[in-house]
Amino acid sequence: MAVVLARIVERLGAEAAIKWPNDVLAGGRKVAGILAEAVTAGGRVLGAALGAGVNLAMEPGDLAASTSPQHR
């Protein structure tokens, strides 16, 4: 999921980086986080959940600005 989110950020015009295991960065700023959890019993996976939180508080153009030399 981190790779997919990083590719989306790059398509929006910013350089993306993945801070393993669960963060996506643009210009050194966290733009998304990933949470994965599984429920197991007796060595079997009973269920799994995968979610992503995206920073929606950024202003339009923040991603593009994060690729400028002053933000690297």
N, C-alpha and C. Protein backbone atom coordinates (compact mmCIF):
# COMPACT_ATOMS: atom_id res chain seq x y z
N MET A 1 0.82 -1.18 0.00
CA MET A 1 0.00 0.00 0.00
C MET A 1 0.87 1.26 0.00
N ALA A 2 2.01 1.21 0.69
CA ALA A 2 2.90 2.37 0.72
C ALA A 2 3.40 2.73 -0.67
N VAL A 3 3.71 1.72 -1.45
CA VAL A 3 4.19 1.95 -2.82
C VAL A 3 3.10 2.61 -3.66
N VAL A 4 1.88 2.14 -3.54
CA VAL A 4 0.77 2.71 -4.30
C VAL A 4 0.55 4.17 -3.90
N LEU A 5 0.54 4.48 -2.61
CA LEU A 5 0.36 5.86 -2.16
C LEU A 5 1.50 6.75 -2.62
N ALA A 6 2.73 6.23 -2.59
CA ALA A 6 3.87 7.02 -3.05
C ALA A 6 3.75 7.32 -4.55
N ARG A 7 3.29 6.37 -5.32
CA ARG A 7 3.11 6.61 -6.76
C ARG A 7 2.02 7.66 -7.01
N ILE A 8 0.98 7.65 -6.21
CA ILE A 8 -0.07 8.67 -6.35
C ILE A 8 0.50 10.04 -6.06
N VAL A 9 1.28 10.16 -4.98
CA VAL A 9 1.91 11.43 -4.64
C VAL A 9 2.80 11.90 -5.78
N GLU A 10 3.56 11.00 -6.38
CA GLU A 10 4.42 11.36 -7.50
C GLU A 10 3.62 11.82 -8.72
N ARG A 11 2.49 11.20 -8.96
CA ARG A 11 1.63 11.63 -10.09
C ARG A 11 1.06 13.02 -9.84
N LEU A 12 0.97 13.41 -8.56
CA LEU A 12 0.49 14.75 -8.21
C LEU A 12 1.60 15.78 -8.30
N GLY A 13 2.82 15.33 -8.65
CA GLY A 13 3.89 16.27 -8.91
C GLY A 13 4.93 16.42 -7.82
N ALA A 14 4.94 15.57 -6.83
CA ALA A 14 5.93 15.67 -5.75
C ALA A 14 6.79 14.42 -5.71
N GLU A 15 8.00 14.58 -5.20
CA GLU A 15 8.85 13.42 -4.98
C GLU A 15 8.39 12.75 -3.70
N ALA A 16 8.18 11.45 -3.76
CA ALA A 16 7.69 10.72 -2.59
C ALA A 16 8.78 9.79 -2.07
N ALA A 17 8.72 9.56 -0.78
CA ALA A 17 9.62 8.60 -0.13
C ALA A 17 8.78 7.77 0.82
N ILE A 18 9.23 6.55 1.05
CA ILE A 18 8.54 5.68 1.98
C ILE A 18 9.43 5.52 3.20
N LYS A 19 8.88 5.86 4.36
CA LYS A 19 9.57 5.64 5.62
C LYS A 19 8.96 4.39 6.22
N TRP A 20 9.67 3.26 6.03
CA TRP A 20 9.12 1.99 6.47
C TRP A 20 8.95 1.98 7.98
N PRO A 21 7.92 1.35 8.47
CA PRO A 21 7.04 0.48 7.71
C PRO A 21 5.74 1.12 7.28
N ASN A 22 5.45 2.37 7.70
CA ASN A 22 4.07 2.80 7.49
C ASN A 22 3.85 4.26 7.13
N ASP A 23 4.85 4.98 6.70
CA ASP A 23 4.65 6.39 6.38
C ASP A 23 5.06 6.70 4.94
N VAL A 24 4.34 7.63 4.32
CA VAL A 24 4.69 8.14 3.00
C VAL A 24 5.02 9.62 3.19
N LEU A 25 6.19 10.03 2.69
CA LEU A 25 6.67 11.39 2.85
C LEU A 25 6.75 12.10 1.51
N ALA A 26 6.54 13.40 1.53
CA ALA A 26 6.77 14.27 0.36
C ALA A 26 7.47 15.50 0.87
N GLY A 27 8.67 15.76 0.36
CA GLY A 27 9.43 16.90 0.83
C GLY A 27 9.77 16.82 2.30
N GLY A 28 9.95 15.60 2.81
CA GLY A 28 10.27 15.42 4.21
C GLY A 28 9.08 15.51 5.15
N ARG A 29 7.91 15.75 4.61
CA ARG A 29 6.69 15.88 5.43
C ARG A 29 5.84 14.63 5.27
N LYS A 30 5.26 14.17 6.36
CA LYS A 30 4.39 13.00 6.31
C LYS A 30 3.08 13.40 5.64
N VAL A 31 2.73 12.68 4.57
CA VAL A 31 1.48 12.96 3.87
C VAL A 31 0.48 11.82 3.99
N ALA A 32 0.96 10.64 4.44
CA ALA A 32 0.05 9.50 4.61
C ALA A 32 0.66 8.50 5.58
N GLY A 33 -0.21 7.79 6.27
CA GLY A 33 0.21 6.73 7.17
C GLY A 33 -0.62 5.49 6.92
N ILE A 34 -0.04 4.33 7.17
CA ILE A 34 -0.70 3.07 6.88
C ILE A 34 -0.77 2.24 8.16
N LEU A 35 -1.90 1.58 8.35
CA LEU A 35 -2.08 0.70 9.50
C LEU A 35 -2.55 -0.65 9.00
N ALA A 36 -1.87 -1.71 9.44
CA ALA A 36 -2.25 -3.08 9.08
C ALA A 36 -2.37 -3.89 10.36
N GLU A 37 -3.44 -4.64 10.47
CA GLU A 37 -3.65 -5.49 11.64
C GLU A 37 -4.24 -6.82 11.20
N ALA A 38 -3.91 -7.86 11.94
CA ALA A 38 -4.45 -9.19 11.64
C ALA A 38 -4.89 -9.84 12.95
N VAL A 39 -5.91 -10.65 12.85
CA VAL A 39 -6.39 -11.44 13.98
C VAL A 39 -6.08 -12.90 13.66
N THR A 40 -5.38 -13.55 14.59
CA THR A 40 -5.00 -14.94 14.36
C THR A 40 -5.44 -15.82 15.54
N ALA A 41 -5.60 -17.07 15.27
CA ALA A 41 -5.90 -18.06 16.30
C ALA A 41 -5.43 -19.42 15.81
N GLY A 42 -4.70 -20.12 16.64
CA GLY A 42 -4.25 -21.44 16.26
C GLY A 42 -3.39 -21.46 15.01
N GLY A 43 -2.61 -20.40 14.79
CA GLY A 43 -1.74 -20.35 13.62
C GLY A 43 -2.45 -20.01 12.33
N ARG A 44 -3.73 -19.64 12.41
CA ARG A 44 -4.49 -19.27 11.20
C ARG A 44 -4.89 -17.80 11.27
N VAL A 45 -4.89 -17.16 10.15
CA VAL A 45 -5.35 -15.78 10.06
C VAL A 45 -6.87 -15.80 9.95
N LEU A 46 -7.54 -15.18 10.93
CA LEU A 46 -9.00 -15.12 10.92
C LEU A 46 -9.52 -13.89 10.19
N GLY A 47 -8.73 -12.86 10.18
CA GLY A 47 -9.15 -11.63 9.50
C GLY A 47 -8.01 -10.63 9.45
N ALA A 48 -8.09 -9.72 8.54
CA ALA A 48 -7.05 -8.70 8.40
C ALA A 48 -7.69 -7.39 7.97
N ALA A 49 -7.07 -6.30 8.40
CA ALA A 49 -7.54 -4.97 8.01
C ALA A 49 -6.33 -4.15 7.57
N LEU A 50 -6.52 -3.39 6.52
CA LEU A 50 -5.48 -2.52 5.99
C LEU A 50 -6.12 -1.17 5.74
N GLY A 51 -5.52 -0.13 6.31
CA GLY A 51 -6.10 1.20 6.15
C GLY A 51 -5.02 2.24 5.91
N ALA A 52 -5.41 3.37 5.36
CA ALA A 52 -4.48 4.47 5.10
C ALA A 52 -5.13 5.77 5.52
N GLY A 53 -4.35 6.61 6.15
CA GLY A 53 -4.78 7.95 6.49
C GLY A 53 -3.99 8.93 5.65
N VAL A 54 -4.69 9.85 5.02
CA VAL A 54 -4.04 10.82 4.15
C VAL A 54 -4.24 12.21 4.74
N ASN A 55 -3.17 13.02 4.74
CA ASN A 55 -3.23 14.36 5.30
C ASN A 55 -4.05 15.27 4.37
N LEU A 56 -5.28 15.51 4.72
CA LEU A 56 -6.15 16.36 3.91
C LEU A 56 -6.06 17.82 4.32
N ALA A 57 -5.28 18.13 5.36
CA ALA A 57 -5.16 19.50 5.83
C ALA A 57 -4.18 20.32 4.99
N MET A 58 -3.53 19.68 4.03
CA MET A 58 -2.58 20.41 3.19
C MET A 58 -3.34 21.32 2.23
N GLU A 59 -2.74 22.44 1.96
CA GLU A 59 -3.33 23.39 1.02
C GLU A 59 -3.01 22.94 -0.41
N PRO A 60 -3.88 23.32 -1.37
CA PRO A 60 -3.54 23.02 -2.76
C PRO A 60 -2.18 23.61 -3.09
N GLY A 61 -1.37 22.83 -3.75
CA GLY A 61 -0.03 23.29 -4.11
C GLY A 61 1.04 22.91 -3.10
N ASP A 62 0.65 22.46 -1.89
CA ASP A 62 1.64 22.06 -0.90
C ASP A 62 2.52 20.93 -1.40
N LEU A 63 1.96 19.97 -2.12
CA LEU A 63 2.77 18.88 -2.64
C LEU A 63 3.77 19.39 -3.66
N ALA A 64 3.32 20.26 -4.55
CA ALA A 64 4.23 20.81 -5.55
C ALA A 64 5.31 21.65 -4.87
N ALA A 65 4.93 22.40 -3.85
CA ALA A 65 5.91 23.22 -3.13
C ALA A 65 6.92 22.36 -2.40
N SER A 66 6.52 21.16 -2.01
CA SER A 66 7.43 20.29 -1.26
C SER A 66 8.56 19.76 -2.11
N THR A 67 8.50 19.95 -3.43
CA THR A 67 9.58 19.48 -4.30
C THR A 67 10.57 20.60 -4.60
N SER A 68 10.30 21.81 -4.13
CA SER A 68 11.21 22.91 -4.39
C SER A 68 12.49 22.73 -3.57
N PRO A 69 13.60 23.28 -4.01
CA PRO A 69 14.89 23.09 -3.32
C PRO A 69 14.85 23.49 -1.85
N GLN A 70 14.06 24.48 -1.48
CA GLN A 70 14.03 24.91 -0.08
C GLN A 70 13.38 23.88 0.84
N HIS A 71 12.63 22.94 0.29
CA HIS A 71 11.96 21.94 1.10
C HIS A 71 12.65 20.58 1.07
N ARG A 72 13.75 20.45 0.37
CA ARG A 72 14.44 19.16 0.26
C ARG A 72 15.43 18.98 1.36
